[in-house]
Amino acid sequence: MIRPAGPGPAYLFPGRPPSRPRHPHSLRDVLTEHGLPIRPARNTAMITAAGELPPMVMSDLFGIDPGTAQKWAHCAQAGWADYLAHVHP
């Protein structure tokens, strides 16, 4: 990665101009072209974080609603018995 000239921030994924971050949609398109789907990766990261962090910390850290963070925490704690009960009532 080439750092932009001047005192500006150096982004991991620079945009155009390099002093700006890359737009999320263009980054998504590039990753998808290389066989890296975004949604499964995001869901894996969220479920991992939900298993390790309290819901209020997740809410503050990721900027999500506390209720949504609570739902992620519930999913992270659910075991196979909960899954099977849901799939085969």
Protein backbone atom coordinates (compact mmCIF):
# COMPACT_ATOMS: atom_id res chain seq x y z
CA MET A 1 0.00 0.00 0.00
CA ILE A 2 1.30 3.43 -0.88
CA ARG A 3 0.71 6.05 1.79
CA PRO A 4 -0.87 9.30 0.63
CA ALA A 5 1.40 12.33 0.58
CA GLY A 6 0.98 14.74 3.44
CA PRO A 7 -0.22 14.41 7.01
CA GLY A 8 -3.56 12.74 6.14
CA PRO A 9 -4.60 9.37 7.53
CA ALA A 10 -3.36 6.19 5.87
CA TYR A 11 -6.32 3.93 5.15
CA LEU A 12 -6.11 0.16 4.89
CA PHE A 13 -8.36 0.41 1.83
CA PRO A 14 -7.76 3.85 0.32
CA GLY A 15 -10.31 5.29 -2.06
CA ARG A 16 -10.09 7.84 -4.81
CA PRO A 17 -8.48 10.14 -3.84
CA PRO A 18 -6.24 8.13 -1.51
CA SER A 19 -6.90 10.61 1.28
CA ARG A 20 -10.46 9.20 1.55
CA PRO A 21 -11.52 5.70 2.59
CA ARG A 22 -12.82 3.30 -0.03
CA HIS A 23 -16.62 3.22 -0.31
CA PRO A 24 -18.12 0.11 1.36
CA HIS A 25 -20.00 -0.91 -1.80
CA SER A 26 -16.88 -0.89 -3.96
CA LEU A 27 -15.00 -2.89 -1.32
CA ARG A 28 -17.90 -5.37 -1.18
CA ASP A 29 -17.81 -5.76 -4.96
CA VAL A 30 -14.07 -6.44 -5.02
CA LEU A 31 -14.28 -8.98 -2.20
CA THR A 32 -17.23 -10.74 -3.86
CA GLU A 33 -15.32 -10.93 -7.16
CA HIS A 34 -12.60 -12.83 -5.30
CA GLY A 35 -15.06 -15.29 -3.78
CA LEU A 36 -15.30 -13.67 -0.34
CA PRO A 37 -19.01 -13.13 0.37
CA ILE A 38 -19.64 -10.38 2.90
CA ARG A 39 -22.80 -11.46 4.73
CA PRO A 40 -21.54 -14.87 5.95
CA ALA A 41 -18.29 -13.27 7.12
CA ARG A 42 -20.19 -10.50 8.93
CA ASN A 43 -22.53 -12.98 10.59
CA THR A 44 -19.60 -15.13 11.74
CA ALA A 45 -17.87 -12.09 13.21
CA MET A 46 -21.06 -10.95 14.98
CA ILE A 47 -21.83 -14.37 16.46
CA THR A 48 -18.23 -14.68 17.67
CA ALA A 49 -18.33 -11.24 19.26
CA ALA A 50 -21.73 -11.98 20.82
CA GLY A 51 -20.29 -15.07 22.46
CA GLU A 52 -17.46 -13.09 24.02
CA LEU A 53 -18.89 -9.63 24.79
CA PRO A 54 -21.85 -8.42 26.85
CA PRO A 55 -24.72 -7.09 24.68
CA MET A 56 -24.28 -3.48 25.85
CA VAL A 57 -20.59 -3.53 24.90
CA MET A 58 -21.53 -4.93 21.47
CA SER A 59 -24.14 -2.21 21.08
CA ASP A 60 -21.62 0.55 21.79
CA LEU A 61 -18.77 -1.05 19.86
CA PHE A 62 -20.68 -1.81 16.65
CA GLY A 63 -23.30 0.94 16.83
CA ILE A 64 -26.23 -1.45 16.84
CA ASP A 65 -29.46 -1.27 18.83
CA PRO A 66 -29.22 -2.86 22.30
CA GLY A 67 -32.15 -5.14 21.41
CA THR A 68 -30.31 -6.36 18.33
CA ALA A 69 -27.19 -6.99 20.41
CA GLN A 70 -29.33 -8.99 22.84
CA LYS A 71 -30.67 -11.11 19.96
CA TRP A 72 -27.11 -11.81 18.78
CA ALA A 73 -26.16 -12.81 22.33
CA HIS A 74 -29.14 -15.17 22.48
CA CYS A 75 -28.11 -16.77 19.16
CA ALA A 76 -24.54 -17.17 20.37
CA GLN A 77 -25.67 -18.99 23.52
CA ALA A 78 -28.16 -21.25 21.77
CA GLY A 79 -27.05 -24.85 21.57
CA TRP A 80 -27.95 -27.65 19.19
CA ALA A 81 -30.96 -28.58 21.33
CA ASP A 82 -32.43 -25.11 20.78
CA TYR A 83 -31.76 -25.37 17.05
CA LEU A 84 -33.37 -28.80 16.77
CA ALA A 85 -36.39 -27.68 18.79
CA HIS A 86 -36.82 -24.76 16.40
CA VAL A 87 -36.38 -26.83 13.22
CA HIS A 88 -38.47 -29.81 14.36
CA PRO A 89 -41.21 -28.50 16.68
